Amino acid sequence: MATILRRKAAAVTFGVLALTLAGGGIAIAQPATKAPVEVAQPGAAARGTQPVPSAESARLSRATMKKATATTLVATTAITVVNGNGTKARGVGTVIKYGVGQYEVQFGYNVSAGVFVATIGRPDSCCIPAGGEVVVAPRLLTPNGVFIQTRNSAGVPADLGFHLVVHT
């Protein structure tokens, strides 16, 4: 009987040791610190970063949010079609063009927790658009804005039209 208990104790000890080491390995694999938003997106100098919102963008954001009426809808889907020059072809929202391939679309409500989908596209029903890339992200320091960047197929910033769908 004592031999069986010793074997079980040894098995439990090894099991605890294995779980401890496995848990420690998982904890070590996690990142030690997370980069703050200011470090991750300081300005427009590096590829993949957003320019700092201008005073005009902040003013427009506040005005748009103030005009909006409270909604009781559970979910909202907004669609915006934007030309390469930064003008809105159709849909909702206000478009601001920052630079080559950099756009902001502002809505009348908070979209920061929404889902954003964008694709390169033309505003008309003619033709297939030129190939390219589009990325979309919540707008830095603007809860009712979405930031969009467009690039050509070589990855160089380019003014390309796009279609944006925001679901909140």
N, C-alpha and C. Protein backbone atom coordinates (compact mmCIF):
# COMPACT_ATOMS: atom_id res chain seq x y z
N MET A 1 0.82 -1.19 0.00
CA MET A 1 0.00 0.00 0.00
C MET A 1 0.86 1.25 0.00
N ALA A 2 1.94 1.24 0.79
CA ALA A 2 2.82 2.40 0.86
C ALA A 2 3.49 2.66 -0.49
N THR A 3 3.79 1.59 -1.24
CA THR A 3 4.42 1.74 -2.55
C THR A 3 3.46 2.43 -3.52
N ILE A 4 2.20 2.09 -3.50
CA ILE A 4 1.20 2.70 -4.38
C ILE A 4 1.07 4.19 -4.08
N LEU A 5 1.02 4.54 -2.78
CA LEU A 5 0.91 5.94 -2.40
C LEU A 5 2.14 6.73 -2.84
N ARG A 6 3.34 6.13 -2.71
CA ARG A 6 4.56 6.82 -3.15
C ARG A 6 4.53 7.04 -4.66
N ARG A 7 4.05 6.07 -5.42
CA ARG A 7 3.97 6.21 -6.87
C ARG A 7 2.97 7.31 -7.25
N LYS A 8 1.82 7.34 -6.57
CA LYS A 8 0.84 8.38 -6.85
C LYS A 8 1.39 9.75 -6.49
N ALA A 9 2.08 9.86 -5.39
CA ALA A 9 2.65 11.14 -4.96
C ALA A 9 3.69 11.61 -5.98
N ALA A 10 4.49 10.69 -6.48
CA ALA A 10 5.49 11.06 -7.48
C ALA A 10 4.80 11.50 -8.78
N ALA A 11 3.75 10.82 -9.18
CA ALA A 11 3.02 11.18 -10.40
C ALA A 11 2.38 12.55 -10.25
N VAL A 12 1.78 12.81 -9.09
CA VAL A 12 1.16 14.12 -8.85
C VAL A 12 2.23 15.21 -8.84
N THR A 13 3.36 14.95 -8.23
CA THR A 13 4.45 15.93 -8.19
C THR A 13 4.93 16.26 -9.59
N PHE A 14 5.14 15.26 -10.42
CA PHE A 14 5.58 15.50 -11.80
C PHE A 14 4.49 16.24 -12.61
N GLY A 15 3.24 15.90 -12.36
CA GLY A 15 2.14 16.58 -13.05
C GLY A 15 2.08 18.06 -12.69
N VAL A 16 2.22 18.35 -11.40
CA VAL A 16 2.22 19.74 -10.95
C VAL A 16 3.41 20.48 -11.54
N LEU A 17 4.57 19.85 -11.54
CA LEU A 17 5.76 20.47 -12.12
C LEU A 17 5.57 20.75 -13.61
N ALA A 18 5.00 19.81 -14.34
CA ALA A 18 4.78 19.99 -15.78
C ALA A 18 3.80 21.13 -16.04
N LEU A 19 2.71 21.19 -15.28
CA LEU A 19 1.74 22.27 -15.45
C LEU A 19 2.33 23.62 -15.08
N THR A 20 3.16 23.65 -14.04
CA THR A 20 3.80 24.90 -13.64
C THR A 20 4.73 25.39 -14.74
N LEU A 21 5.51 24.50 -15.30
CA LEU A 21 6.43 24.90 -16.38
C LEU A 21 5.66 25.32 -17.62
N ALA A 22 4.60 24.62 -17.95
CA ALA A 22 3.80 24.98 -19.12
C ALA A 22 3.14 26.34 -18.91
N GLY A 23 2.60 26.58 -17.74
CA GLY A 23 1.99 27.88 -17.45
C GLY A 23 3.01 29.00 -17.47
N GLY A 24 4.20 28.73 -16.94
CA GLY A 24 5.27 29.74 -16.97
C GLY A 24 5.70 30.05 -18.38
N GLY A 25 5.72 29.03 -19.25
CA GLY A 25 6.09 29.26 -20.65
C GLY A 25 5.06 30.11 -21.36
N ILE A 26 3.80 29.91 -21.05
CA ILE A 26 2.75 30.72 -21.65
C ILE A 26 2.86 32.16 -21.18
N ALA A 27 3.13 32.34 -19.89
CA ALA A 27 3.25 33.69 -19.35
C ALA A 27 4.44 34.42 -19.96
N ILE A 28 5.52 33.71 -20.21
CA ILE A 28 6.70 34.34 -20.80
C ILE A 28 6.43 34.72 -22.24
N ALA A 29 5.58 33.98 -22.94
CA ALA A 29 5.31 34.26 -24.34
C ALA A 29 4.48 35.52 -24.53
N GLN A 30 3.81 36.00 -23.50
CA GLN A 30 3.00 37.21 -23.61
C GLN A 30 3.89 38.44 -23.65
N PRO A 31 3.48 39.50 -24.37
CA PRO A 31 4.29 40.71 -24.41
C PRO A 31 4.35 41.35 -23.03
N ALA A 32 5.50 41.88 -22.69
CA ALA A 32 5.71 42.47 -21.37
C ALA A 32 4.93 43.77 -21.21
N THR A 33 4.97 44.61 -22.24
CA THR A 33 4.26 45.88 -22.16
C THR A 33 3.53 46.12 -23.46
N LYS A 34 2.53 46.94 -23.41
CA LYS A 34 1.81 47.32 -24.61
C LYS A 34 2.15 48.75 -24.94
N ALA A 35 2.32 49.04 -26.22
CA ALA A 35 2.66 50.39 -26.64
C ALA A 35 1.44 51.28 -26.51
N PRO A 36 1.62 52.46 -25.92
CA PRO A 36 0.49 53.39 -25.87
C PRO A 36 0.15 53.89 -27.26
N VAL A 37 -1.06 54.40 -27.42
CA VAL A 37 -1.53 54.88 -28.72
C VAL A 37 -0.61 55.97 -29.25
N GLU A 38 -0.11 56.85 -28.37
CA GLU A 38 0.74 57.94 -28.81
C GLU A 38 2.04 57.44 -29.44
N VAL A 39 2.55 56.32 -28.92
CA VAL A 39 3.78 55.76 -29.48
C VAL A 39 3.48 55.02 -30.77
N ALA A 40 2.35 54.30 -30.81
CA ALA A 40 2.02 53.50 -31.98
C ALA A 40 1.63 54.37 -33.17
N GLN A 41 1.04 55.55 -32.94
CA GLN A 41 0.60 56.40 -34.04
C GLN A 41 0.96 57.86 -33.74
N PRO A 42 2.25 58.19 -33.71
CA PRO A 42 2.63 59.55 -33.34
C PRO A 42 2.31 60.60 -34.38
N GLY A 43 2.31 60.27 -35.64
CA GLY A 43 2.05 61.25 -36.68
C GLY A 43 2.10 60.58 -38.03
N ALA A 44 2.29 61.37 -39.06
CA ALA A 44 2.23 60.84 -40.42
C ALA A 44 3.59 60.53 -40.99
N ALA A 45 4.66 60.58 -40.21
CA ALA A 45 6.00 60.41 -40.74
C ALA A 45 6.26 58.98 -41.21
N ALA A 46 5.84 58.00 -40.46
CA ALA A 46 6.13 56.60 -40.81
C ALA A 46 4.96 55.98 -41.54
N ARG A 47 5.25 54.99 -42.34
CA ARG A 47 4.20 54.29 -43.08
C ARG A 47 3.29 53.57 -42.09
N GLY A 48 1.99 53.68 -42.33
CA GLY A 48 1.04 52.99 -41.47
C GLY A 48 0.58 53.81 -40.28
N THR A 49 0.96 55.08 -40.21
CA THR A 49 0.52 55.90 -39.09
C THR A 49 -0.45 56.96 -39.58
N GLN A 50 -1.22 57.49 -38.66
CA GLN A 50 -2.19 58.51 -38.99
C GLN A 50 -1.63 59.89 -38.70
N PRO A 51 -1.98 60.87 -39.49
CA PRO A 51 -1.57 62.23 -39.14
C PRO A 51 -2.37 62.69 -37.92
N VAL A 52 -1.81 63.56 -37.13
CA VAL A 52 -2.50 64.09 -35.97
C VAL A 52 -3.72 64.88 -36.45
N PRO A 53 -4.88 64.69 -35.81
CA PRO A 53 -6.07 65.42 -36.24
C PRO A 53 -5.85 66.93 -36.20
N SER A 54 -6.28 67.60 -37.24
CA SER A 54 -6.14 69.05 -37.30
C SER A 54 -7.21 69.71 -36.44
N ALA A 55 -7.03 70.98 -36.16
CA ALA A 55 -8.03 71.73 -35.40
C ALA A 55 -9.36 71.74 -36.15
N GLU A 56 -9.29 71.85 -37.48
CA GLU A 56 -10.51 71.85 -38.29
C GLU A 56 -11.22 70.50 -38.20
N SER A 57 -10.45 69.40 -38.18
CA SER A 57 -11.04 68.08 -38.05
C SER A 57 -11.73 67.93 -36.70
N ALA A 58 -11.09 68.39 -35.64
CA ALA A 58 -11.68 68.31 -34.30
C ALA A 58 -12.95 69.15 -34.22
N ARG A 59 -12.92 70.35 -34.79
CA ARG A 59 -14.09 71.22 -34.79
C ARG A 59 -15.25 70.56 -35.55
N LEU A 60 -14.94 70.01 -36.73
CA LEU A 60 -15.94 69.35 -37.55
C LEU A 60 -16.52 68.13 -36.83
N SER A 61 -15.66 67.39 -36.13
CA SER A 61 -16.11 66.21 -35.39
C SER A 61 -17.10 66.60 -34.30
N ARG A 62 -16.78 67.65 -33.55
CA ARG A 62 -17.69 68.10 -32.49
C ARG A 62 -19.01 68.60 -33.08
N ALA A 63 -18.94 69.33 -34.18
CA ALA A 63 -20.16 69.85 -34.80
C ALA A 63 -21.03 68.73 -35.34
N THR A 64 -20.42 67.72 -35.94
CA THR A 64 -21.17 66.59 -36.48
C THR A 64 -21.85 65.81 -35.37
N MET A 65 -21.14 65.59 -34.27
CA MET A 65 -21.71 64.85 -33.15
C MET A 65 -22.84 65.65 -32.51
N LYS A 66 -22.71 66.98 -32.48
CA LYS A 66 -23.73 67.82 -31.86
C LYS A 66 -25.02 67.82 -32.69
N LYS A 67 -24.88 67.80 -34.04
CA LYS A 67 -26.04 67.80 -34.93
C LYS A 67 -26.81 66.49 -34.88
N ALA A 68 -26.12 65.41 -34.60
CA ALA A 68 -26.74 64.09 -34.65
C ALA A 68 -27.77 63.94 -33.54
N THR A 69 -28.84 63.29 -33.87
CA THR A 69 -29.87 63.02 -32.87
C THR A 69 -29.60 61.65 -32.26
N ALA A 70 -30.02 61.48 -31.04
CA ALA A 70 -29.83 60.20 -30.36
C ALA A 70 -30.65 59.13 -31.06
N THR A 71 -30.07 57.98 -31.20
CA THR A 71 -30.77 56.89 -31.86
C THR A 71 -30.96 55.74 -30.88
N THR A 72 -32.04 55.01 -31.03
CA THR A 72 -32.30 53.87 -30.18
C THR A 72 -32.05 52.57 -30.92
N LEU A 73 -31.49 52.65 -32.10
CA LEU A 73 -31.22 51.44 -32.88
C LEU A 73 -30.15 50.60 -32.20
N VAL A 74 -30.29 49.30 -32.33
CA VAL A 74 -29.30 48.40 -31.77
C VAL A 74 -28.05 48.41 -32.64
N ALA A 75 -28.22 48.41 -33.95
CA ALA A 75 -27.09 48.39 -34.87
C ALA A 75 -27.34 49.37 -36.00
N THR A 76 -26.26 49.94 -36.51
CA THR A 76 -26.33 50.89 -37.61
C THR A 76 -25.27 50.52 -38.63
N THR A 77 -25.62 50.57 -39.89
CA THR A 77 -24.66 50.35 -40.96
C THR A 77 -24.65 51.58 -41.84
N ALA A 78 -23.45 52.12 -42.05
CA ALA A 78 -23.29 53.30 -42.90
C ALA A 78 -22.40 52.94 -44.08
N ILE A 79 -22.75 53.42 -45.26
CA ILE A 79 -21.97 53.16 -46.47
C ILE A 79 -21.59 54.50 -47.08
N THR A 80 -20.31 54.62 -47.44
CA THR A 80 -19.80 55.84 -48.06
C THR A 80 -18.93 55.46 -49.25
N VAL A 81 -19.14 56.14 -50.36
CA VAL A 81 -18.30 55.96 -51.55
C VAL A 81 -17.53 57.26 -51.74
N VAL A 82 -16.20 57.15 -51.81
CA VAL A 82 -15.33 58.32 -51.88
C VAL A 82 -14.50 58.28 -53.15
N ASN A 83 -14.41 59.42 -53.84
CA ASN A 83 -13.56 59.55 -55.02
C ASN A 83 -12.10 59.69 -54.58
N GLY A 84 -11.20 59.43 -55.49
CA GLY A 84 -9.77 59.54 -55.19
C GLY A 84 -9.34 60.92 -54.75
N ASN A 85 -10.06 61.96 -55.19
CA ASN A 85 -9.69 63.33 -54.81
C ASN A 85 -10.24 63.72 -53.45
N GLY A 86 -10.92 62.81 -52.76
CA GLY A 86 -11.42 63.08 -51.42
C GLY A 86 -12.83 63.62 -51.35
N THR A 87 -13.53 63.68 -52.47
CA THR A 87 -14.92 64.12 -52.44
C THR A 87 -15.83 62.92 -52.26
N LYS A 88 -16.95 63.13 -51.58
CA LYS A 88 -17.90 62.04 -51.37
C LYS A 88 -18.76 61.88 -52.61
N ALA A 89 -18.79 60.69 -53.17
CA ALA A 89 -19.61 60.40 -54.34
C ALA A 89 -21.06 60.15 -53.92
N ARG A 90 -21.23 59.38 -52.86
CA ARG A 90 -22.56 59.11 -52.32
C ARG A 90 -22.41 58.45 -50.96
N GLY A 91 -23.52 58.35 -50.27
CA GLY A 91 -23.51 57.75 -48.95
C GLY A 91 -23.57 58.80 -47.85
N VAL A 92 -23.21 58.40 -46.66
CA VAL A 92 -23.28 59.28 -45.50
C VAL A 92 -21.89 59.61 -44.99
N GLY A 93 -21.82 60.62 -44.17
CA GLY A 93 -20.55 61.00 -43.56
C GLY A 93 -19.91 62.18 -44.25
N THR A 94 -18.92 62.74 -43.59
CA THR A 94 -18.15 63.87 -44.09
C THR A 94 -16.73 63.38 -44.36
N VAL A 95 -16.20 63.69 -45.54
CA VAL A 95 -14.88 63.22 -45.92
C VAL A 95 -13.86 64.35 -45.79
N ILE A 96 -12.72 64.03 -45.19
CA ILE A 96 -11.59 64.96 -45.09
C ILE A 96 -10.40 64.28 -45.72
N LYS A 97 -9.71 64.97 -46.62
CA LYS A 97 -8.51 64.41 -47.27
C LYS A 97 -7.30 65.07 -46.63
N TYR A 98 -6.36 64.27 -46.11
CA TYR A 98 -5.19 64.80 -45.44
C TYR A 98 -3.99 64.92 -46.37
N GLY A 99 -3.76 63.94 -47.18
CA GLY A 99 -2.60 63.93 -48.07
C GLY A 99 -2.81 62.84 -49.09
N VAL A 100 -1.76 62.50 -49.78
CA VAL A 100 -1.85 61.47 -50.81
C VAL A 100 -2.28 60.15 -50.17
N GLY A 101 -3.45 59.69 -50.55
CA GLY A 101 -3.94 58.40 -50.06
C GLY A 101 -4.38 58.39 -48.61
N GLN A 102 -4.58 59.55 -47.97
CA GLN A 102 -4.99 59.61 -46.57
C GLN A 102 -6.32 60.34 -46.45
N TYR A 103 -7.31 59.64 -45.90
CA TYR A 103 -8.66 60.17 -45.80
C TYR A 103 -9.23 59.91 -44.41
N GLU A 104 -10.16 60.75 -44.03
CA GLU A 104 -10.94 60.54 -42.81
C GLU A 104 -12.40 60.69 -43.18
N VAL A 105 -13.23 59.78 -42.68
CA VAL A 105 -14.67 59.89 -42.87
C VAL A 105 -15.29 60.00 -41.48
N GLN A 106 -16.05 61.07 -41.26
CA GLN A 106 -16.69 61.31 -39.97
C GLN A 106 -18.19 61.07 -40.08
N PHE A 107 -18.75 60.50 -39.02
CA PHE A 107 -20.17 60.20 -38.96
C PHE A 107 -20.79 60.98 -37.81
N GLY A 108 -22.09 60.99 -37.74
CA GLY A 108 -22.81 61.74 -36.72
C GLY A 108 -22.97 61.00 -35.41
N TYR A 109 -22.23 59.94 -35.20
CA TYR A 109 -22.33 59.15 -33.97
C TYR A 109 -20.99 58.44 -33.74
N ASN A 110 -20.83 57.92 -32.55
CA ASN A 110 -19.58 57.26 -32.16
C ASN A 110 -19.46 55.93 -32.90
N VAL A 111 -18.36 55.75 -33.63
CA VAL A 111 -18.12 54.51 -34.38
C VAL A 111 -16.88 53.77 -33.88
N SER A 112 -16.31 54.22 -32.76
CA SER A 112 -15.04 53.67 -32.31
C SER A 112 -15.10 52.17 -32.00
N ALA A 113 -16.26 51.64 -31.67
CA ALA A 113 -16.38 50.21 -31.39
C ALA A 113 -16.98 49.46 -32.58
N GLY A 114 -17.01 50.09 -33.73
CA GLY A 114 -17.63 49.48 -34.90
C GLY A 114 -16.69 48.56 -35.67
N VAL A 115 -17.24 48.01 -36.74
CA VAL A 115 -16.49 47.18 -37.67
C VAL A 115 -16.35 47.98 -38.96
N PHE A 116 -15.14 48.07 -39.50
CA PHE A 116 -14.87 48.87 -40.69
C PHE A 116 -14.39 47.96 -41.81
N VAL A 117 -15.00 48.11 -42.98
CA VAL A 117 -14.59 47.34 -44.16
C VAL A 117 -14.47 48.32 -45.32
N ALA A 118 -13.34 48.28 -46.02
CA ALA A 118 -13.14 49.17 -47.16
C ALA A 118 -12.56 48.36 -48.31
N THR A 119 -12.86 48.82 -49.52
CA THR A 119 -12.30 48.20 -50.71
C THR A 119 -12.08 49.29 -51.76
N ILE A 120 -11.06 49.09 -52.59
CA ILE A 120 -10.82 50.02 -53.69
C ILE A 120 -12.01 49.91 -54.63
N GLY A 121 -12.54 51.04 -55.08
CA GLY A 121 -13.69 50.99 -55.96
C GLY A 121 -13.94 52.31 -56.65
N ARG A 122 -14.69 52.24 -57.70
CA ARG A 122 -15.07 53.43 -58.46
C ARG A 122 -16.45 53.90 -58.00
N PRO A 123 -16.76 55.19 -58.19
CA PRO A 123 -18.07 55.68 -57.79
C PRO A 123 -19.17 55.38 -58.81
N ASP A 124 -18.78 54.95 -60.01
CA ASP A 124 -19.77 54.69 -61.06
C ASP A 124 -19.86 53.20 -61.33
N SER A 125 -20.71 52.83 -62.29
CA SER A 125 -20.88 51.42 -62.61
C SER A 125 -20.01 50.98 -63.78
N CYS A 126 -19.13 51.87 -64.22
CA CYS A 126 -18.25 51.55 -65.33
C CYS A 126 -16.93 50.98 -64.85
N CYS A 127 -16.51 50.01 -65.53
CA CYS A 127 -15.12 49.56 -65.45
C CYS A 127 -14.70 48.98 -64.10
N ILE A 128 -13.61 48.27 -64.16
CA ILE A 128 -12.99 47.71 -62.96
C ILE A 128 -11.95 48.71 -62.49
N PRO A 129 -11.88 49.01 -61.20
CA PRO A 129 -10.91 49.99 -60.72
C PRO A 129 -9.48 49.47 -60.84
N ALA A 130 -8.54 50.40 -60.85
CA ALA A 130 -7.13 50.02 -60.84
C ALA A 130 -6.83 49.25 -59.56
N GLY A 131 -5.90 48.33 -59.65
CA GLY A 131 -5.53 47.54 -58.48
C GLY A 131 -4.87 48.42 -57.43
N GLY A 132 -4.97 48.01 -56.20
CA GLY A 132 -4.36 48.76 -55.12
C GLY A 132 -4.65 48.13 -53.78
N GLU A 133 -4.31 48.87 -52.75
CA GLU A 133 -4.51 48.40 -51.38
C GLU A 133 -5.25 49.48 -50.61
N VAL A 134 -6.04 49.04 -49.65
CA VAL A 134 -6.72 49.99 -48.76
C VAL A 134 -6.68 49.43 -47.35
N VAL A 135 -6.40 50.30 -46.39
CA VAL A 135 -6.43 49.92 -44.98
C VAL A 135 -7.34 50.90 -44.25
N VAL A 136 -7.96 50.43 -43.20
CA VAL A 136 -8.92 51.24 -42.46
C VAL A 136 -8.72 51.00 -40.97
N ALA A 137 -8.91 52.07 -40.18
CA ALA A 137 -8.72 51.98 -38.73
C ALA A 137 -9.58 53.03 -38.05
N PRO A 138 -9.87 52.85 -36.76
CA PRO A 138 -10.55 53.91 -36.03
C PRO A 138 -9.68 55.17 -36.07
N ARG A 139 -10.31 56.33 -36.17
CA ARG A 139 -9.56 57.58 -36.27
C ARG A 139 -9.01 57.96 -34.90
N LEU A 140 -7.75 58.28 -34.88
CA LEU A 140 -7.05 58.67 -33.67
C LEU A 140 -7.70 59.91 -33.05
N LEU A 141 -8.08 59.84 -31.79
CA LEU A 141 -8.65 60.95 -31.02
C LEU A 141 -9.96 61.50 -31.59
N THR A 142 -10.65 60.74 -32.44
CA THR A 142 -11.92 61.17 -33.03
C THR A 142 -12.90 60.00 -32.97
N PRO A 143 -13.77 59.96 -31.95
CA PRO A 143 -14.63 58.77 -31.78
C PRO A 143 -15.65 58.56 -32.90
N ASN A 144 -15.94 59.60 -33.67
CA ASN A 144 -16.91 59.44 -34.75
C ASN A 144 -16.25 59.37 -36.12
N GLY A 145 -14.94 59.09 -36.15
CA GLY A 145 -14.20 59.07 -37.41
C GLY A 145 -13.53 57.75 -37.71
N VAL A 146 -13.30 57.53 -39.00
CA VAL A 146 -12.59 56.36 -39.50
C VAL A 146 -11.46 56.87 -40.39
N PHE A 147 -10.27 56.29 -40.25
CA PHE A 147 -9.11 56.69 -41.05
C PHE A 147 -8.87 55.65 -42.12
N ILE A 148 -8.66 56.11 -43.36
CA ILE A 148 -8.46 55.22 -44.50
C ILE A 148 -7.18 55.62 -45.22
N GLN A 149 -6.36 54.64 -45.59
CA GLN A 149 -5.18 54.87 -46.42
C GLN A 149 -5.30 54.02 -47.67
N THR A 150 -4.96 54.61 -48.83
CA THR A 150 -4.96 53.85 -50.08
C THR A 150 -3.56 53.88 -50.67
N ARG A 151 -3.17 52.77 -51.30
CA ARG A 151 -1.87 52.65 -51.94
C ARG A 151 -2.04 51.92 -53.26
N ASN A 152 -1.11 52.16 -54.18
CA ASN A 152 -1.15 51.41 -55.44
C ASN A 152 -0.64 50.00 -55.19
N SER A 153 -0.57 49.19 -56.23
CA SER A 153 -0.16 47.79 -56.07
C SER A 153 1.28 47.63 -55.62
N ALA A 154 2.10 48.68 -55.81
CA ALA A 154 3.49 48.62 -55.36
C ALA A 154 3.62 49.04 -53.89
N GLY A 155 2.53 49.44 -53.26
CA GLY A 155 2.57 49.84 -51.86
C GLY A 155 2.88 51.31 -51.64
N VAL A 156 2.87 52.11 -52.72
CA VAL A 156 3.16 53.54 -52.63
C VAL A 156 1.83 54.29 -52.43
N PRO A 157 1.77 55.24 -51.48
CA PRO A 157 0.52 55.99 -51.28
C PRO A 157 0.01 56.57 -52.60
N ALA A 158 -1.29 56.40 -52.85
CA ALA A 158 -1.92 56.88 -54.08
C ALA A 158 -3.35 57.28 -53.79
N ASP A 159 -3.83 58.28 -54.50
CA ASP A 159 -5.22 58.72 -54.37
C ASP A 159 -6.12 57.78 -55.16
N LEU A 160 -6.77 56.86 -54.46
CA LEU A 160 -7.65 55.89 -55.09
C LEU A 160 -9.04 55.99 -54.47
N GLY A 161 -10.06 55.87 -55.29
CA GLY A 161 -11.43 55.85 -54.77
C GLY A 161 -11.67 54.58 -53.99
N PHE A 162 -12.59 54.65 -53.03
CA PHE A 162 -12.88 53.47 -52.21
C PHE A 162 -14.32 53.48 -51.74
N HIS A 163 -14.77 52.31 -51.34
CA HIS A 163 -16.09 52.13 -50.74
C HIS A 163 -15.85 51.74 -49.28
N LEU A 164 -16.57 52.37 -48.37
CA LEU A 164 -16.40 52.14 -46.94
C LEU A 164 -17.74 51.71 -46.34
N VAL A 165 -17.72 50.64 -45.56
CA VAL A 165 -18.88 50.18 -44.83
C VAL A 165 -18.52 50.19 -43.34
N VAL A 166 -19.33 50.85 -42.54
CA VAL A 166 -19.11 50.91 -41.09
C VAL A 166 -20.35 50.34 -40.42
N HIS A 167 -20.14 49.33 -39.59
CA HIS A 167 -21.25 48.70 -38.87
C HIS A 167 -21.00 48.88 -37.37
N THR A 168 -21.93 49.52 -36.70
CA THR A 168 -21.80 49.72 -35.26
C THR A 168 -22.96 49.08 -34.52
